[in-house]
Amino acid sequence: MFIISLTYIKDLKIVEEHLKDHVEYLKEQYSKGYFMASGRKVPRTGGVILSNIKDKKDLMEVLKEDPFYKNEVAKYEITQFIPSMTSKKLDFLREEL
């Protein structure tokens, strides 16, 4: 599982110009089952995506299709983790070590 932290590197006006396409991209990744959650950071300096893609190379190929990536609107910090403990509601995320 991966946490993708996006940080805007362009003015919010430019972010807004690409936001509709970014949202369409997110919807496509949800429909493929690649993303599990996403949303804006507070304050609005970027966003966060939770992905269940298993391989970082595969994840990078998916992220390269993001309009924010293509238009150099945001930088991406990727953290891989293994959820070994969860609440009961999130048991489906748990992985054995």
PDB file of N, CA and C in Angstrom:
ATOM      1  N   MET A   1       0.850  -1.157   0.000  1.00  0.00           N
ATOM      2  CA  MET A   1       0.000   0.000   0.000  1.00  0.00           C
ATOM      3  C   MET A   1       0.905   1.233   0.000  1.00  0.00           C
ATOM      4  N   PHE A   2       0.420   2.282  -0.632  1.00  0.00           N
ATOM      5  CA  PHE A   2       1.196   3.514  -0.729  1.00  0.00           C
ATOM      6  C   PHE A   2       0.365   4.726  -0.307  1.00  0.00           C
ATOM      7  N   ILE A   3       1.045   5.666   0.342  1.00  0.00           N
ATOM      8  CA  ILE A   3       0.496   6.995   0.592  1.00  0.00           C
ATOM      9  C   ILE A   3       1.240   7.930  -0.346  1.00  0.00           C
ATOM     10  N   ILE A   4       0.493   8.644  -1.172  1.00  0.00           N
ATOM     11  CA  ILE A   4       1.081   9.603  -2.097  1.00  0.00           C
ATOM     12  C   ILE A   4       0.711  10.998  -1.600  1.00  0.00           C
ATOM     13  N   SER A   5       1.717  11.776  -1.261  1.00  0.00           N
ATOM     14  CA  SER A   5       1.505  13.141  -0.784  1.00  0.00           C
ATOM     15  C   SER A   5       1.900  14.098  -1.906  1.00  0.00           C
ATOM     16  N   LEU A   6       0.918  14.839  -2.410  1.00  0.00           N
ATOM     17  CA  LEU A   6       1.165  15.822  -3.455  1.00  0.00           C
ATOM     18  C   LEU A   6       1.333  17.195  -2.807  1.00  0.00           C
ATOM     19  N   THR A   7       2.319  17.934  -3.251  1.00  0.00           N
ATOM     20  CA  THR A   7       2.524  19.302  -2.809  1.00  0.00           C
ATOM     21  C   THR A   7       2.544  20.191  -4.043  1.00  0.00           C
ATOM     22  N   TYR A   8       1.671  21.185  -4.057  1.00  0.00           N
ATOM     23  CA  TYR A   8       1.613  22.083  -5.205  1.00  0.00           C
ATOM     24  C   TYR A   8       2.916  22.859  -5.335  1.00  0.00           C
ATOM     25  N   ILE A   9       3.386  22.957  -6.569  1.00  0.00           N
ATOM     26  CA  ILE A   9       4.587  23.736  -6.853  1.00  0.00           C
ATOM     27  C   ILE A   9       4.268  24.891  -7.799  1.00  0.00           C
ATOM     28  N   LYS A  10       2.979  25.077  -8.063  1.00  0.00           N
ATOM     29  CA  LYS A  10       2.506  26.192  -8.878  1.00  0.00           C
ATOM     30  C   LYS A  10       1.433  26.935  -8.088  1.00  0.00           C
ATOM     31  N   ASP A  11       1.150  28.145  -8.495  1.00  0.00           N
ATOM     32  CA  ASP A  11       0.113  28.972  -7.879  1.00  0.00           C
ATOM     33  C   ASP A  11      -1.242  28.266  -7.962  1.00  0.00           C
ATOM     34  N   LEU A  12      -2.104  28.510  -6.966  1.00  0.00           N
ATOM     35  CA  LEU A  12      -3.431  27.873  -6.946  1.00  0.00           C
ATOM     36  C   LEU A  12      -4.254  28.180  -8.198  1.00  0.00           C
ATOM     37  N   LYS A  13      -4.023  29.307  -8.817  1.00  0.00           N
ATOM     38  CA  LYS A  13      -4.725  29.634 -10.060  1.00  0.00           C
ATOM     39  C   LYS A  13      -4.398  28.596 -11.144  1.00  0.00           C
ATOM     40  N   ILE A  14      -3.156  28.176 -11.224  1.00  0.00           N
ATOM     41  CA  ILE A  14      -2.744  27.159 -12.193  1.00  0.00           C
ATOM     42  C   ILE A  14      -3.270  25.792 -11.770  1.00  0.00           C
ATOM     43  N   VAL A  15      -3.251  25.514 -10.467  1.00  0.00           N
ATOM     44  CA  VAL A  15      -3.830  24.266  -9.960  1.00  0.00           C
ATOM     45  C   VAL A  15      -5.284  24.164 -10.409  1.00  0.00           C
ATOM     46  N   GLU A  16      -6.040  25.221 -10.221  1.00  0.00           N
ATOM     47  CA  GLU A  16      -7.462  25.245 -10.598  1.00  0.00           C
ATOM     48  C   GLU A  16      -7.666  24.983 -12.092  1.00  0.00           C
ATOM     49  N   GLU A  17      -6.751  25.440 -12.926  1.00  0.00           N
ATOM     50  CA  GLU A  17      -6.853  25.222 -14.371  1.00  0.00           C
ATOM     51  C   GLU A  17      -6.789  23.741 -14.735  1.00  0.00           C
ATOM     52  N   HIS A  18      -6.119  22.945 -13.911  1.00  0.00           N
ATOM     53  CA  HIS A  18      -5.938  21.521 -14.185  1.00  0.00           C
ATOM     54  C   HIS A  18      -6.789  20.621 -13.283  1.00  0.00           C
ATOM     55  N   LEU A  19      -7.543  21.217 -12.375  1.00  0.00           N
ATOM     56  CA  LEU A  19      -8.276  20.449 -11.369  1.00  0.00           C
ATOM     57  C   LEU A  19      -9.330  19.526 -11.978  1.00  0.00           C
ATOM     58  N   LYS A  20     -10.103  20.000 -12.937  1.00  0.00           N
ATOM     59  CA  LYS A  20     -11.147  19.162 -13.536  1.00  0.00           C
ATOM     60  C   LYS A  20     -10.537  17.901 -14.148  1.00  0.00           C
ATOM     61  N   ASP A  21      -9.447  18.059 -14.894  1.00  0.00           N
ATOM     62  CA  ASP A  21      -8.790  16.898 -15.506  1.00  0.00           C
ATOM     63  C   ASP A  21      -8.198  15.979 -14.445  1.00  0.00           C
ATOM     64  N   HIS A  22      -7.674  16.557 -13.376  1.00  0.00           N
ATOM     65  CA  HIS A  22      -7.125  15.754 -12.274  1.00  0.00           C
ATOM     66  C   HIS A  22      -8.226  14.917 -11.629  1.00  0.00           C
ATOM     67  N   VAL A  23      -9.389  15.508 -11.406  1.00  0.00           N
ATOM     68  CA  VAL A  23     -10.515  14.781 -10.806  1.00  0.00           C
ATOM     69  C   VAL A  23     -10.973  13.645 -11.719  1.00  0.00           C
ATOM     70  N   GLU A  24     -11.004  13.881 -13.014  1.00  0.00           N
ATOM     71  CA  GLU A  24     -11.361  12.820 -13.968  1.00  0.00           C
ATOM     72  C   GLU A  24     -10.342  11.683 -13.919  1.00  0.00           C
ATOM     73  N   TYR A  25      -9.089  12.041 -13.823  1.00  0.00           N
ATOM     74  CA  TYR A  25      -8.017  11.051 -13.678  1.00  0.00           C
ATOM     75  C   TYR A  25      -8.237  10.219 -12.410  1.00  0.00           C
ATOM     76  N   LEU A  26      -8.540  10.894 -11.288  1.00  0.00           N
ATOM     77  CA  LEU A  26      -8.788  10.174 -10.040  1.00  0.00           C
ATOM     78  C   LEU A  26      -9.956   9.206 -10.187  1.00  0.00           C
ATOM     79  N   LYS A  27     -11.043   9.653 -10.796  1.00  0.00           N
ATOM     80  CA  LYS A  27     -12.211   8.790 -10.992  1.00  0.00           C
ATOM     81  C   LYS A  27     -11.846   7.552 -11.788  1.00  0.00           C
ATOM     82  N   GLU A  28     -11.015   7.727 -12.805  1.00  0.00           N
ATOM     83  CA  GLU A  28     -10.578   6.585 -13.627  1.00  0.00           C
ATOM     84  C   GLU A  28      -9.784   5.585 -12.792  1.00  0.00           C
ATOM     85  N   GLN A  29      -8.898   6.088 -11.928  1.00  0.00           N
ATOM     86  CA  GLN A  29      -8.088   5.197 -11.093  1.00  0.00           C
ATOM     87  C   GLN A  29      -8.946   4.477 -10.052  1.00  0.00           C
ATOM     88  N   TYR A  30      -9.963   5.161  -9.527  1.00  0.00           N
ATOM     89  CA  TYR A  30     -10.907   4.491  -8.614  1.00  0.00           C
ATOM     90  C   TYR A  30     -11.643   3.376  -9.347  1.00  0.00           C
ATOM     91  N   SER A  31     -12.069   3.629 -10.570  1.00  0.00           N
ATOM     92  CA  SER A  31     -12.827   2.619 -11.318  1.00  0.00           C
ATOM     93  C   SER A  31     -11.961   1.393 -11.621  1.00  0.00           C
ATOM     94  N   LYS A  32     -10.666   1.589 -11.724  1.00  0.00           N
ATOM     95  CA  LYS A  32      -9.733   0.474 -11.964  1.00  0.00           C
ATOM     96  C   LYS A  32      -9.361  -0.237 -10.659  1.00  0.00           C
ATOM     97  N   GLY A  33      -9.762   0.349  -9.522  1.00  0.00           N
ATOM     98  CA  GLY A  33      -9.449  -0.243  -8.229  1.00  0.00           C
ATOM     99  C   GLY A  33      -8.062   0.105  -7.714  1.00  0.00           C
ATOM    100  N   TYR A  34      -7.412   1.118  -8.302  1.00  0.00           N
ATOM    101  CA  TYR A  34      -6.044   1.475  -7.912  1.00  0.00           C
ATOM    102  C   TYR A  34      -5.976   2.405  -6.705  1.00  0.00           C
ATOM    103  N   PHE A  35      -6.977   3.266  -6.543  1.00  0.00           N
ATOM    104  CA  PHE A  35      -6.979   4.238  -5.451  1.00  0.00           C
ATOM    105  C   PHE A  35      -8.105   3.910  -4.482  1.00  0.00           C
ATOM    106  N   MET A  36      -7.840   4.160  -3.176  1.00  0.00           N
ATOM    107  CA  MET A  36      -8.818   3.840  -2.142  1.00  0.00           C
ATOM    108  C   MET A  36      -9.371   5.082  -1.447  1.00  0.00           C
ATOM    109  N   ALA A  37      -8.612   6.159  -1.438  1.00  0.00           N
ATOM    110  CA  ALA A  37      -9.048   7.417  -0.826  1.00  0.00           C
ATOM    111  C   ALA A  37      -8.171   8.532  -1.367  1.00  0.00           C
ATOM    112  N   SER A  38      -8.734   9.737  -1.382  1.00  0.00           N
ATOM    113  CA  SER A  38      -7.957  10.897  -1.808  1.00  0.00           C
ATOM    114  C   SER A  38      -8.642  12.157  -1.303  1.00  0.00           C
ATOM    115  N   GLY A  39      -7.879  13.242  -1.233  1.00  0.00           N
ATOM    116  CA  GLY A  39      -8.468  14.500  -0.816  1.00  0.00           C
ATOM    117  C   GLY A  39      -7.420  15.584  -0.663  1.00  0.00           C
ATOM    118  N   ARG A  40      -7.917  16.792  -0.422  1.00  0.00           N
ATOM    119  CA  ARG A  40      -7.062  17.968  -0.263  1.00  0.00           C
ATOM    120  C   ARG A  40      -6.402  17.982   1.104  1.00  0.00           C
ATOM    121  N   LYS A  41      -5.222  18.567   1.145  1.00  0.00           N
ATOM    122  CA  LYS A  41      -4.580  18.871   2.422  1.00  0.00           C
ATOM    123  C   LYS A  41      -5.214  20.149   2.978  1.00  0.00           C
ATOM    124  N   VAL A  42      -5.156  20.286   4.299  1.00  0.00           N
ATOM    125  CA  VAL A  42      -5.618  21.503   4.962  1.00  0.00           C
ATOM    126  C   VAL A  42      -4.444  22.016   5.789  1.00  0.00           C
ATOM    127  N   PRO A  43      -3.917  23.190   5.495  1.00  0.00           N
ATOM    128  CA  PRO A  43      -4.367  24.132   4.475  1.00  0.00           C
ATOM    129  C   PRO A  43      -4.113  23.579   3.073  1.00  0.00           C
ATOM    130  N   ARG A  44      -4.692  24.217   2.074  1.00  0.00           N
ATOM    131  CA  ARG A  44      -4.689  23.710   0.704  1.00  0.00           C
ATOM    132  C   ARG A  44      -3.328  23.913   0.028  1.00  0.00           C
ATOM    133  N   THR A  45      -2.415  23.014   0.362  1.00  0.00           N
ATOM    134  CA  THR A  45      -1.064  23.047  -0.202  1.00  0.00           C
ATOM    135  C   THR A  45      -0.804  21.860  -1.118  1.00  0.00           C
ATOM    136  N   GLY A  46      -1.804  20.990  -1.268  1.00  0.00           N
ATOM    137  CA  GLY A  46      -1.655  19.786  -2.077  1.00  0.00           C
ATOM    138  C   GLY A  46      -2.753  18.805  -1.744  1.00  0.00           C
ATOM    139  N   GLY A  47      -2.442  17.533  -1.880  1.00  0.00           N
ATOM    140  CA  GLY A  47      -3.423  16.495  -1.607  1.00  0.00           C
ATOM    141  C   GLY A  47      -2.752  15.206  -1.185  1.00  0.00           C
ATOM    142  N   VAL A  48      -3.580  14.218  -0.859  1.00  0.00           N
ATOM    143  CA  VAL A  48      -3.110  12.904  -0.447  1.00  0.00           C
ATOM    144  C   VAL A  48      -3.932  11.851  -1.169  1.00  0.00           C
ATOM    145  N   ILE A  49      -3.248  10.801  -1.627  1.00  0.00           N
ATOM    146  CA  ILE A  49      -3.911   9.658  -2.269  1.00  0.00           C
ATOM    147  C   ILE A  49      -3.463   8.402  -1.541  1.00  0.00           C
ATOM    148  N   LEU A  50      -4.389   7.511  -1.262  1.00  0.00           N
ATOM    149  CA  LEU A  50      -4.093   6.196  -0.700  1.00  0.00           C
ATOM    150  C   LEU A  50      -4.297   5.177  -1.811  1.00  0.00           C
ATOM    151  N   SER A  51      -3.247   4.436  -2.130  1.00  0.00           N
ATOM    152  CA  SER A  51      -3.303   3.474  -3.235  1.00  0.00           C
ATOM    153  C   SER A  51      -2.999   2.064  -2.748  1.00  0.00           C
ATOM    154  N   ASN A  52      -3.730   1.101  -3.296  1.00  0.00           N
ATOM    155  CA  ASN A  52      -3.480  -0.297  -2.959  1.00  0.00           C
ATOM    156  C   ASN A  52      -2.662  -1.012  -4.037  1.00  0.00           C
ATOM    157  N   ILE A  53      -2.076  -0.266  -4.962  1.00  0.00           N
ATOM    158  CA  ILE A  53      -1.152  -0.864  -5.930  1.00  0.00           C
ATOM    159  C   ILE A  53       0.012  -1.460  -5.141  1.00  0.00           C
ATOM    160  N   LYS A  54       0.468  -2.635  -5.519  1.00  0.00           N
ATOM    161  CA  LYS A  54       1.481  -3.348  -4.737  1.00  0.00           C
ATOM    162  C   LYS A  54       2.918  -2.988  -5.099  1.00  0.00           C
ATOM    163  N   ASP A  55       3.159  -2.586  -6.337  1.00  0.00           N
ATOM    164  CA  ASP A  55       4.514  -2.372  -6.823  1.00  0.00           C
ATOM    165  C   ASP A  55       4.748  -0.888  -7.120  1.00  0.00           C
ATOM    166  N   LYS A  56       5.854  -0.342  -6.621  1.00  0.00           N
ATOM    167  CA  LYS A  56       6.119   1.088  -6.796  1.00  0.00           C
ATOM    168  C   LYS A  56       6.296   1.452  -8.268  1.00  0.00           C
ATOM    169  N   LYS A  57       6.899   0.572  -9.039  1.00  0.00           N
ATOM    170  CA  LYS A  57       7.073   0.832 -10.473  1.00  0.00           C
ATOM    171  C   LYS A  57       5.709   0.964 -11.156  1.00  0.00           C
ATOM    172  N   ASP A  58       4.781   0.080 -10.823  1.00  0.00           N
ATOM    173  CA  ASP A  58       3.426   0.151 -11.380  1.00  0.00           C
ATOM    174  C   ASP A  58       2.726   1.432 -10.945  1.00  0.00           C
ATOM    175  N   LEU A  59       2.913   1.810  -9.684  1.00  0.00           N
ATOM    176  CA  LEU A  59       2.316   3.037  -9.175  1.00  0.00           C
ATOM    177  C   LEU A  59       2.843   4.246  -9.947  1.00  0.00           C
ATOM    178  N   MET A  60       4.145   4.284 -10.190  1.00  0.00           N
ATOM    179  CA  MET A  60       4.731   5.414 -10.918  1.00  0.00           C
ATOM    180  C   MET A  60       4.150   5.535 -12.319  1.00  0.00           C
ATOM    181  N   GLU A  61       3.892   4.420 -12.979  1.00  0.00           N
ATOM    182  CA  GLU A  61       3.289   4.464 -14.311  1.00  0.00           C
ATOM    183  C   GLU A  61       1.886   5.067 -14.251  1.00  0.00           C
ATOM    184  N   VAL A  62       1.150   4.745 -13.211  1.00  0.00           N
ATOM    185  CA  VAL A  62      -0.195   5.308 -13.026  1.00  0.00           C
ATOM    186  C   VAL A  62      -0.108   6.802 -12.734  1.00  0.00           C
ATOM    187  N   LEU A  63       0.802   7.194 -11.850  1.00  0.00           N
ATOM    188  CA  LEU A  63       0.923   8.604 -11.473  1.00  0.00           C
ATOM    189  C   LEU A  63       1.379   9.483 -12.636  1.00  0.00           C
ATOM    190  N   LYS A  64       2.131   8.940 -13.545  1.00  0.00           N
ATOM    191  CA  LYS A  64       2.601   9.705 -14.704  1.00  0.00           C
ATOM    192  C   LYS A  64       1.453  10.137 -15.609  1.00  0.00           C
ATOM    193  N   GLU A  65       0.291   9.528 -15.439  1.00  0.00           N
ATOM    194  CA  GLU A  65      -0.883   9.906 -16.230  1.00  0.00           C
ATOM    195  C   GLU A  65      -1.693  11.039 -15.590  1.00  0.00           C
ATOM    196  N   ASP A  66      -1.354  11.401 -14.360  1.00  0.00           N
ATOM    197  CA  ASP A  66      -2.060  12.470 -13.645  1.00  0.00           C
ATOM    198  C   ASP A  66      -1.776  13.812 -14.326  1.00  0.00           C
ATOM    199  N   PRO A  67      -2.813  14.563 -14.669  1.00  0.00           N
ATOM    200  CA  PRO A  67      -2.586  15.893 -15.259  1.00  0.00           C
ATOM    201  C   PRO A  67      -1.733  16.808 -14.371  1.00  0.00           C
ATOM    202  N   PHE A  68      -1.807  16.662 -13.076  1.00  0.00           N
ATOM    203  CA  PHE A  68      -0.942  17.448 -12.192  1.00  0.00           C
ATOM    204  C   PHE A  68       0.529  17.086 -12.419  1.00  0.00           C
ATOM    205  N   TYR A  69       0.788  15.805 -12.646  1.00  0.00           N
ATOM    206  CA  TYR A  69       2.154  15.341 -12.921  1.00  0.00           C
ATOM    207  C   TYR A  69       2.598  15.816 -14.303  1.00  0.00           C
ATOM    208  N   LYS A  70       1.760  15.584 -15.298  1.00  0.00           N
ATOM    209  CA  LYS A  70       2.093  15.940 -16.681  1.00  0.00           C
ATOM    210  C   LYS A  70       2.369  17.428 -16.847  1.00  0.00           C
ATOM    211  N   ASN A  71       1.647  18.259 -16.107  1.00  0.00           N
ATOM    212  CA  ASN A  71       1.775  19.712 -16.224  1.00  0.00           C
ATOM    213  C   ASN A  71       2.647  20.331 -15.137  1.00  0.00           C
ATOM    214  N   GLU A  72       3.349  19.474 -14.394  1.00  0.00           N
ATOM    215  CA  GLU A  72       4.278  19.905 -13.346  1.00  0.00           C
ATOM    216  C   GLU A  72       3.634  20.884 -12.365  1.00  0.00           C
ATOM    217  N   VAL A  73       2.426  20.529 -11.952  1.00  0.00           N
ATOM    218  CA  VAL A  73       1.667  21.334 -10.993  1.00  0.00           C
ATOM    219  C   VAL A  73       2.029  20.943  -9.561  1.00  0.00           C
ATOM    220  N   ALA A  74       2.415  19.680  -9.350  1.00  0.00           N
ATOM    221  CA  ALA A  74       2.694  19.187  -8.005  1.00  0.00           C
ATOM    222  C   ALA A  74       3.914  18.277  -8.010  1.00  0.00           C
ATOM    223  N   LYS A  75       4.559  18.196  -6.853  1.00  0.00           N
ATOM    224  CA  LYS A  75       5.593  17.183  -6.655  1.00  0.00           C
ATOM    225  C   LYS A  75       4.973  16.071  -5.813  1.00  0.00           C
ATOM    226  N   TYR A  76       5.514  14.880  -5.916  1.00  0.00           N
ATOM    227  CA  TYR A  76       4.935  13.693  -5.298  1.00  0.00           C
ATOM    228  C   TYR A  76       5.927  13.061  -4.329  1.00  0.00           C
ATOM    229  N   GLU A  77       5.471  12.828  -3.107  1.00  0.00           N
ATOM    230  CA  GLU A  77       6.247  12.069  -2.129  1.00  0.00           C
ATOM    231  C   GLU A  77       5.507  10.768  -1.906  1.00  0.00           C
ATOM    232  N   ILE A  78       6.201   9.650  -2.088  1.00  0.00           N
ATOM    233  CA  ILE A  78       5.562   8.339  -2.020  1.00  0.00           C
ATOM    234  C   ILE A  78       6.115   7.565  -0.839  1.00  0.00           C
ATOM    235  N   THR A  79       5.196   7.072   0.004  1.00  0.00           N
ATOM    236  CA  THR A  79       5.569   6.271   1.162  1.00  0.00           C
ATOM    237  C   THR A  79       4.859   4.926   1.069  1.00  0.00           C
ATOM    238  N   GLN A  80       5.639   3.856   1.070  1.00  0.00           N
ATOM    239  CA  GLN A  80       5.047   2.522   1.085  1.00  0.00           C
ATOM    240  C   GLN A  80       4.951   2.058   2.533  1.00  0.00           C
ATOM    241  N   PHE A  81       3.834   1.416   2.860  1.00  0.00           N
ATOM    242  CA  PHE A  81       3.706   0.862   4.204  1.00  0.00           C
ATOM    243  C   PHE A  81       2.852  -0.397   4.173  1.00  0.00           C
ATOM    244  N   ILE A  82       3.006  -1.199   5.221  1.00  0.00           N
ATOM    245  CA  ILE A  82       2.238  -2.429   5.374  1.00  0.00           C
ATOM    246  C   ILE A  82       1.328  -2.234   6.575  1.00  0.00           C
ATOM    247  N   PRO A  83       0.016  -2.122   6.356  1.00  0.00           N
ATOM    248  CA  PRO A  83      -0.908  -1.945   7.478  1.00  0.00           C
ATOM    249  C   PRO A  83      -1.058  -3.253   8.264  1.00  0.00           C
ATOM    250  N   SER A  84      -0.313  -3.374   9.359  1.00  0.00           N
ATOM    251  CA  SER A  84      -0.342  -4.599  10.160  1.00  0.00           C
ATOM    252  C   SER A  84      -1.382  -4.547  11.277  1.00  0.00           C
ATOM    253  N   MET A  85      -1.863  -3.338  11.602  1.00  0.00           N
ATOM    254  CA  MET A  85      -2.942  -3.169  12.574  1.00  0.00           C
ATOM    255  C   MET A  85      -3.947  -2.177  12.013  1.00  0.00           C
ATOM    256  N   THR A  86      -5.232  -2.462  12.214  1.00  0.00           N
ATOM    257  CA  THR A  86      -6.293  -1.583  11.727  1.00  0.00           C
ATOM    258  C   THR A  86      -7.469  -1.623  12.697  1.00  0.00           C
ATOM    259  N   SER A  87      -8.362  -0.669  12.547  1.00  0.00           N
ATOM    260  CA  SER A  87      -9.629  -0.754  13.264  1.00  0.00           C
ATOM    261  C   SER A  87     -10.459  -1.850  12.602  1.00  0.00           C
ATOM    262  N   LYS A  88     -11.525  -2.275  13.256  1.00  0.00           N
ATOM    263  CA  LYS A  88     -12.374  -3.327  12.692  1.00  0.00           C
ATOM    264  C   LYS A  88     -12.939  -2.918  11.341  1.00  0.00           C
ATOM    265  N   LYS A  89     -13.275  -1.630  11.185  1.00  0.00           N
ATOM    266  CA  LYS A  89     -13.834  -1.149   9.923  1.00  0.00           C
ATOM    267  C   LYS A  89     -12.844  -1.268   8.765  1.00  0.00           C
ATOM    268  N   LEU A  90     -11.560  -1.280   9.090  1.00  0.00           N
ATOM    269  CA  LEU A  90     -10.534  -1.329   8.041  1.00  0.00           C
ATOM    270  C   LEU A  90      -9.771  -2.653   8.011  1.00  0.00           C
ATOM    271  N   ASP A  91     -10.336  -3.690   8.583  1.00  0.00           N
ATOM    272  CA  ASP A  91      -9.693  -5.003   8.594  1.00  0.00           C
ATOM    273  C   ASP A  91      -9.268  -5.472   7.202  1.00  0.00           C
ATOM    274  N   PHE A  92     -10.018  -5.095   6.195  1.00  0.00           N
ATOM    275  CA  PHE A  92      -9.711  -5.534   4.835  1.00  0.00           C
ATOM    276  C   PHE A  92      -8.366  -4.996   4.333  1.00  0.00           C
ATOM    277  N   LEU A  93      -7.815  -4.004   5.010  1.00  0.00           N
ATOM    278  CA  LEU A  93      -6.532  -3.437   4.610  1.00  0.00           C
ATOM    279  C   LEU A  93      -5.342  -4.161   5.230  1.00  0.00           C
ATOM    280  N   ARG A  94      -5.590  -4.887   6.288  1.00  0.00           N
ATOM    281  CA  ARG A  94      -4.501  -5.499   7.049  1.00  0.00           C
ATOM    282  C   ARG A  94      -3.721  -6.508   6.201  1.00  0.00           C
ATOM    283  N   GLU A  95      -2.396  -6.466   6.338  1.00  0.00           N
ATOM    284  CA  GLU A  95      -1.528  -7.405   5.669  1.00  0.00           C
ATOM    285  C   GLU A  95      -0.668  -8.113   6.702  1.00  0.00           C
ATOM    286  N   GLU A  96      -0.400  -9.367   6.444  1.00  0.00           N
ATOM    287  CA  GLU A  96       0.465 -10.139   7.325  1.00  0.00           C
ATOM    288  C   GLU A  96       1.915  -9.863   6.963  1.00  0.00           C
ATOM    289  N   LEU A  97       2.766  -9.790   7.977  1.00  0.00           N
ATOM    290  CA  LEU A  97       4.204  -9.549   7.744  1.00  0.00           C
ATOM    291  C   LEU A  97       4.914 -10.801   7.306  1.00  0.00           C
TER     292      LEU A  97
END
